[in-house]
């Protein structure tokens, strides 16, 4: 019974928006992540023709899990082959200071 009460109080999960990065500018992709906290961006692989890649872009390290921090990654957008975004990465004992 206690488990049922805890589950009922957990609340609803928030859906994460998905965007097609090649149809967005770099600024728009980053603005979406800042506005929503986290978004999924789809973009084509630069190495494998026809392969679609996905990246979870975040506003800051606060959107990452425990033992993760936001680091810069690059995706393809309509105006940039290497658009910098923030994405969560595992933190190690050596980079603990990177977390805000």
Protein backbone atom coordinates (compact mmCIF):
# COMPACT_ATOMS: atom_id res chain seq x y z
CA UNK A 1 0.00 0.00 0.00
CA UNK A 2 2.83 2.39 0.85
CA UNK A 3 4.39 1.76 -2.57
CA UNK A 4 1.13 2.70 -4.27
CA UNK A 5 0.96 5.96 -2.32
CA UNK A 6 4.55 6.84 -3.21
CA UNK A 7 3.91 6.08 -6.88
CA UNK A 8 0.75 8.18 -6.92
CA UNK A 9 2.64 11.18 -5.54
CA UNK A 10 5.41 10.99 -8.11
CA UNK A 11 3.58 13.28 -10.56
CA UNK A 12 3.41 13.20 -14.33
CA UNK A 13 6.50 12.88 -16.48
CA UNK A 14 7.21 15.82 -18.76
CA UNK A 15 7.51 15.11 -22.48
CA UNK A 16 10.67 16.36 -24.13
CA UNK A 17 10.38 18.26 -27.41
CA UNK A 18 12.11 16.90 -30.50
CA UNK A 19 13.45 19.07 -33.29
CA UNK A 20 15.02 18.47 -36.70
CA UNK A 21 18.27 20.43 -36.33
CA UNK A 22 19.02 20.84 -40.07
CA UNK A 23 15.81 22.86 -40.40
CA UNK A 24 16.85 25.19 -37.56
CA UNK A 25 19.59 27.79 -37.22
CA UNK A 26 22.26 27.23 -34.59
CA UNK A 27 20.82 30.11 -32.56
CA UNK A 28 17.31 28.60 -32.71
CA UNK A 29 18.54 25.18 -31.55
CA UNK A 30 20.29 26.74 -28.58
CA UNK A 31 17.31 28.99 -27.83
CA UNK A 32 15.00 25.94 -27.71
CA UNK A 33 17.28 24.22 -25.19
CA UNK A 34 17.49 27.37 -23.07
CA UNK A 35 13.72 27.93 -23.14
CA UNK A 36 12.70 24.33 -22.41
CA UNK A 37 15.62 23.15 -20.28
CA UNK A 38 16.29 20.13 -22.50
CA UNK A 39 15.34 19.11 -26.05
CA UNK A 40 16.17 16.26 -28.42
CA UNK A 41 17.88 17.39 -31.64
CA UNK A 42 18.00 15.09 -34.69
CA UNK A 43 20.77 15.67 -37.23
CA UNK A 44 22.56 13.74 -40.01
CA UNK A 45 25.82 11.92 -39.35
CA UNK A 46 28.82 13.52 -41.02
CA UNK A 47 30.53 10.11 -41.29
CA UNK A 48 27.80 7.63 -42.26
CA UNK A 49 25.55 8.60 -45.16
CA UNK A 50 21.84 8.26 -44.37
CA UNK A 51 22.35 7.82 -40.61
CA UNK A 52 20.41 10.07 -38.24
CA UNK A 53 21.96 10.99 -34.90
CA UNK A 54 20.28 12.35 -31.79
CA UNK A 55 21.58 14.63 -29.06
CA UNK A 56 19.85 15.79 -25.88
CA UNK A 57 20.69 19.49 -25.70
CA UNK A 58 20.41 21.09 -22.26
CA UNK A 59 20.30 24.60 -20.78
CA UNK A 60 22.96 23.86 -18.13
CA UNK A 61 24.42 21.18 -15.87
CA UNK A 62 21.31 21.55 -13.71
CA UNK A 63 19.42 19.58 -16.39
CA UNK A 64 21.86 16.65 -16.11
CA UNK A 65 21.74 13.70 -13.75
CA UNK A 66 23.94 12.98 -10.77
CA UNK A 67 27.59 12.61 -11.70
CA UNK A 68 27.02 14.41 -15.03
CA UNK A 69 27.77 17.91 -16.24
CA UNK A 70 26.98 19.91 -19.39
CA UNK A 71 29.79 19.92 -21.94
CA UNK A 72 29.99 21.40 -25.42
CA UNK A 73 29.14 19.09 -28.32
CA UNK A 74 28.64 19.92 -32.00
CA UNK A 75 25.66 19.21 -34.26
CA UNK A 76 24.72 20.16 -37.83
CA UNK A 77 22.13 22.94 -38.29
CA UNK A 78 20.90 24.87 -41.33
CA UNK A 79 23.57 27.54 -40.92
CA UNK A 80 26.45 25.66 -39.26
CA UNK A 81 28.15 22.33 -39.87
CA UNK A 82 29.49 22.52 -36.28
CA UNK A 83 26.91 24.23 -34.08
CA UNK A 84 27.98 24.17 -30.41
CA UNK A 85 25.34 22.98 -27.93
CA UNK A 86 25.45 21.79 -24.33
CA UNK A 87 24.84 18.08 -23.67
CA UNK A 88 25.22 15.96 -20.54
CA UNK A 89 28.41 13.94 -20.09
CA UNK A 90 29.60 11.70 -17.26
CA UNK A 91 31.68 13.48 -14.61
CA UNK A 92 34.79 11.82 -13.25
CA UNK A 93 36.74 12.50 -10.09
CA UNK A 94 39.10 14.62 -12.20
CA UNK A 95 36.46 17.00 -13.61
CA UNK A 96 34.17 17.50 -10.58
CA UNK A 97 35.03 21.20 -10.63
CA UNK A 98 33.32 21.65 -14.03
CA UNK A 99 29.86 21.37 -12.47
CA UNK A 100 28.37 24.73 -11.53
